[in-house]
C-alpha atoms as a PDB file:
ATOM      1  CA  UNK A   1       6.553  -2.057  25.992  1.00  0.00           C
ATOM      2  CA  UNK A   2       9.445  -4.453  25.139  1.00  0.00           C
ATOM      3  CA  UNK A   3      10.672  -5.451  21.826  1.00  0.00           C
ATOM      4  CA  UNK A   4       8.563  -8.450  20.377  1.00  0.00           C
ATOM      5  CA  UNK A   5       5.103  -7.132  21.705  1.00  0.00           C
ATOM      6  CA  UNK A   6       2.682  -7.093  19.079  1.00  0.00           C
ATOM      7  CA  UNK A   7      -0.872  -5.524  19.227  1.00  0.00           C
ATOM      8  CA  UNK A   8      -3.844  -6.945  17.880  1.00  0.00           C
ATOM      9  CA  UNK A   9      -7.260  -4.793  17.096  1.00  0.00           C
ATOM     10  CA  UNK A  10     -10.236  -4.861  15.237  1.00  0.00           C
ATOM     11  CA  UNK A  11     -10.490  -2.915  12.013  1.00  0.00           C
ATOM     12  CA  UNK A  12     -13.718  -1.424  13.017  1.00  0.00           C
ATOM     13  CA  UNK A  13     -14.105   0.887  15.945  1.00  0.00           C
ATOM     14  CA  UNK A  14     -14.945  -1.253  18.668  1.00  0.00           C
ATOM     15  CA  UNK A  15     -14.194  -0.457  22.540  1.00  0.00           C
ATOM     16  CA  UNK A  16     -14.950  -3.919  24.023  1.00  0.00           C
ATOM     17  CA  UNK A  17     -14.852  -7.529  23.246  1.00  0.00           C
ATOM     18  CA  UNK A  18     -18.513  -7.732  24.222  1.00  0.00           C
ATOM     19  CA  UNK A  19     -19.023  -5.290  21.083  1.00  0.00           C
ATOM     20  CA  UNK A  20     -17.322  -7.656  18.467  1.00  0.00           C
ATOM     21  CA  UNK A  21     -19.490  -8.818  15.742  1.00  0.00           C
ATOM     22  CA  UNK A  22     -19.817 -12.630  15.121  1.00  0.00           C
ATOM     23  CA  UNK A  23     -17.348 -12.585  12.443  1.00  0.00           C
ATOM     24  CA  UNK A  24     -14.731 -10.396  14.336  1.00  0.00           C
ATOM     25  CA  UNK A  25     -15.241 -12.769  17.422  1.00  0.00           C
ATOM     26  CA  UNK A  26     -14.845 -15.837  15.217  1.00  0.00           C
ATOM     27  CA  UNK A  27     -11.574 -14.346  13.979  1.00  0.00           C
ATOM     28  CA  UNK A  28     -10.067 -13.181  17.046  1.00  0.00           C
ATOM     29  CA  UNK A  29      -9.183 -16.509  18.690  1.00  0.00           C
ATOM     30  CA  UNK A  30      -7.179 -17.850  15.755  1.00  0.00           C
ATOM     31  CA  UNK A  31      -5.490 -14.557  15.084  1.00  0.00           C
ATOM     32  CA  UNK A  32      -4.348 -14.340  18.550  1.00  0.00           C
ATOM     33  CA  UNK A  33      -3.122 -17.779  18.600  1.00  0.00           C
ATOM     34  CA  UNK A  34      -1.077 -17.256  15.640  1.00  0.00           C
ATOM     35  CA  UNK A  35       0.236 -13.951  16.845  1.00  0.00           C
ATOM     36  CA  UNK A  36       1.247 -15.726  20.205  1.00  0.00           C
ATOM     37  CA  UNK A  37       3.077 -18.285  18.112  1.00  0.00           C
ATOM     38  CA  UNK A  38       4.836 -15.538  16.300  1.00  0.00           C
ATOM     39  CA  UNK A  39       6.027 -13.847  19.423  1.00  0.00           C
ATOM     40  CA  UNK A  40       7.015 -17.290  20.980  1.00  0.00           C
ATOM     41  CA  UNK A  41       9.015 -18.480  17.966  1.00  0.00           C
ATOM     42  CA  UNK A  42      11.113 -15.181  17.629  1.00  0.00           C
ATOM     43  CA  UNK A  43      11.432 -14.152  21.273  1.00  0.00           C
ATOM     44  CA  UNK A  44      11.485 -17.553  23.251  1.00  0.00           C
ATOM     45  CA  UNK A  45       9.705 -16.025  26.274  1.00  0.00           C
ATOM     46  CA  UNK A  46       9.210 -17.787  29.527  1.00  0.00           C
ATOM     47  CA  UNK A  47       5.732 -16.363  29.272  1.00  0.00           C
ATOM     48  CA  UNK A  48       3.713 -14.474  26.882  1.00  0.00           C
ATOM     49  CA  UNK A  49       1.106 -12.223  28.067  1.00  0.00           C
ATOM     50  CA  UNK A  50      -2.164 -11.399  26.131  1.00  0.00           C
ATOM     51  CA  UNK A  51      -4.133  -8.721  27.655  1.00  0.00           C
ATOM     52  CA  UNK A  52      -6.700  -6.348  26.563  1.00  0.00           C
ATOM     53  CA  UNK A  53      -6.422  -2.500  26.836  1.00  0.00           C
ATOM     54  CA  UNK A  54      -8.937  -0.179  25.804  1.00  0.00           C
ATOM     55  CA  UNK A  55      -8.687   3.071  28.121  1.00  0.00           C
ATOM     56  CA  UNK A  56      -8.498   6.527  26.713  1.00  0.00           C
ATOM     57  CA  UNK A  57      -7.917   9.490  29.100  1.00  0.00           C
ATOM     58  CA  UNK A  58     -11.508   9.436  30.410  1.00  0.00           C
ATOM     59  CA  UNK A  59     -13.393   6.615  28.654  1.00  0.00           C
ATOM     60  CA  UNK A  60     -13.048   3.427  26.518  1.00  0.00           C
ATOM     61  CA  UNK A  61     -11.034   4.421  23.346  1.00  0.00           C
ATOM     62  CA  UNK A  62     -10.319   1.410  21.005  1.00  0.00           C
ATOM     63  CA  UNK A  63      -9.984  -2.207  21.710  1.00  0.00           C
ATOM     64  CA  UNK A  64      -6.172  -3.230  21.611  1.00  0.00           C
ATOM     65  CA  UNK A  65      -4.903  -6.786  22.679  1.00  0.00           C
ATOM     66  CA  UNK A  66      -1.325  -6.703  23.646  1.00  0.00           C
ATOM     67  CA  UNK A  67       0.815  -9.964  22.954  1.00  0.00           C
ATOM     68  CA  UNK A  68       3.953  -9.522  25.005  1.00  0.00           C
ATOM     69  CA  UNK A  69       6.695 -11.794  25.526  1.00  0.00           C
ATOM     70  CA  UNK A  70       8.286 -11.718  28.941  1.00  0.00           C
ATOM     71  CA  UNK A  71      11.479 -13.160  29.372  1.00  0.00           C
ATOM     72  CA  UNK A  72      13.733 -13.556  32.546  1.00  0.00           C
ATOM     73  CA  UNK A  73      16.009 -10.771  31.294  1.00  0.00           C
ATOM     74  CA  UNK A  74      12.879  -8.246  31.070  1.00  0.00           C
ATOM     75  CA  UNK A  75      11.499  -9.298  34.356  1.00  0.00           C
ATOM     76  CA  UNK A  76      15.144  -8.696  35.907  1.00  0.00           C
ATOM     77  CA  UNK A  77      15.427  -5.188  34.422  1.00  0.00           C
ATOM     78  CA  UNK A  78      12.178  -4.254  36.259  1.00  0.00           C
ATOM     79  CA  UNK A  79      13.069  -5.728  39.522  1.00  0.00           C
ATOM     80  CA  UNK A  80      11.407  -9.020  39.208  1.00  0.00           C
ATOM     81  CA  UNK A  81       7.877  -7.409  38.638  1.00  0.00           C
ATOM     82  CA  UNK A  82       5.215  -9.444  36.790  1.00  0.00           C
ATOM     83  CA  UNK A  83       1.657  -9.236  35.270  1.00  0.00           C
ATOM     84  CA  UNK A  84       0.146  -5.846  35.258  1.00  0.00           C
ATOM     85  CA  UNK A  85       2.787  -4.375  37.586  1.00  0.00           C
ATOM     86  CA  UNK A  86       5.517  -5.044  34.962  1.00  0.00           C
ATOM     87  CA  UNK A  87       3.574  -3.538  32.286  1.00  0.00           C
ATOM     88  CA  UNK A  88       2.566  -0.704  34.203  1.00  0.00           C
ATOM     89  CA  UNK A  89       6.259  -0.085  35.446  1.00  0.00           C
ATOM     90  CA  UNK A  90       7.408  -0.433  31.653  1.00  0.00           C
ATOM     91  CA  UNK A  91       4.805   2.119  30.389  1.00  0.00           C
ATOM     92  CA  UNK A  92       5.811   4.519  33.166  1.00  0.00           C
ATOM     93  CA  UNK A  93       9.557   4.345  32.389  1.00  0.00           C
ATOM     94  CA  UNK A  94       8.745   5.000  28.692  1.00  0.00           C
ATOM     95  CA  UNK A  95      11.529   2.593  27.732  1.00  0.00           C
ATOM     96  CA  UNK A  96      11.460   1.856  24.049  1.00  0.00           C
ATOM     97  CA  UNK A  97      13.300  -0.542  22.084  1.00  0.00           C
ATOM     98  CA  UNK A  98      15.843   0.698  19.352  1.00  0.00           C
ATOM     99  CA  UNK A  99      14.282   1.447  16.145  1.00  0.00           C
ATOM    100  CA  UNK A 100      16.641  -0.727  14.144  1.00  0.00           C
ATOM    101  CA  UNK A 101      15.716  -3.880  16.342  1.00  0.00           C
ATOM    102  CA  UNK A 102      12.006  -3.033  16.015  1.00  0.00           C
ATOM    103  CA  UNK A 103      12.275  -3.143  12.123  1.00  0.00           C
ATOM    104  CA  UNK A 104      14.259  -6.277  12.160  1.00  0.00           C
ATOM    105  CA  UNK A 105      11.693  -7.890  14.373  1.00  0.00           C
ATOM    106  CA  UNK A 106       8.918  -6.669  12.325  1.00  0.00           C
ATOM    107  CA  UNK A 107      10.418  -8.094   9.059  1.00  0.00           C
ATOM    108  CA  UNK A 108      11.022 -11.434  10.681  1.00  0.00           C
ATOM    109  CA  UNK A 109       7.344 -11.399  12.219  1.00  0.00           C
ATOM    110  CA  UNK A 110       5.969 -10.541   8.686  1.00  0.00           C
ATOM    111  CA  UNK A 111       7.704 -13.526   7.283  1.00  0.00           C
ATOM    112  CA  UNK A 112       6.668 -15.901   9.975  1.00  0.00           C
ATOM    113  CA  UNK A 113       2.802 -14.588   9.801  1.00  0.00           C
ATOM    114  CA  UNK A 114       3.349 -15.401   5.844  1.00  0.00           C
ATOM    115  CA  UNK A 115       4.614 -18.746   6.594  1.00  0.00           C
ATOM    116  CA  UNK A 116       2.124 -19.755   9.077  1.00  0.00           C
ATOM    117  CA  UNK A 117      -0.820 -18.168   7.036  1.00  0.00           C
ATOM    118  CA  UNK A 118       0.433 -20.181   3.889  1.00  0.00           C
ATOM    119  CA  UNK A 119       0.831 -23.519   5.789  1.00  0.00           C
ATOM    120  CA  UNK A 120      -2.699 -22.998   7.248  1.00  0.00           C
ATOM    121  CA  UNK A 121      -4.000 -22.558   3.876  1.00  0.00           C
ATOM    122  CA  UNK A 122      -2.519 -25.570   2.490  1.00  0.00           C
ATOM    123  CA  UNK A 123      -3.758 -27.594   5.353  1.00  0.00           C
ATOM    124  CA  UNK A 124      -7.556 -26.508   4.316  1.00  0.00           C
ATOM    125  CA  UNK A 125      -6.843 -27.597   0.612  1.00  0.00           C
END
């Protein structure tokens, strides 16, 4: 996937949204919203995809939710593809962002997650 894609997943082994317990289900929505805000703030995409992946080779493996920024540049690089066709092509091509860019993005994302979390905690006080 492209630079800026973050993966959200439960700590417990779960292979489907339907298997989430009440606590995990209640935490998922707010976590996805914050994750999408981080991606949108740092990447300024035209669209942010949020989609579930759980496939292993022959069966469900583990629940992963990709939060992926999609910019005009990304779409142009892949011939204008969108949605699952874009993601499938990206995965098939095996293109990976430069590790230094990934490390820089992760540092920025960690800081932004901290800021959002701290702000949310202050709002509750």
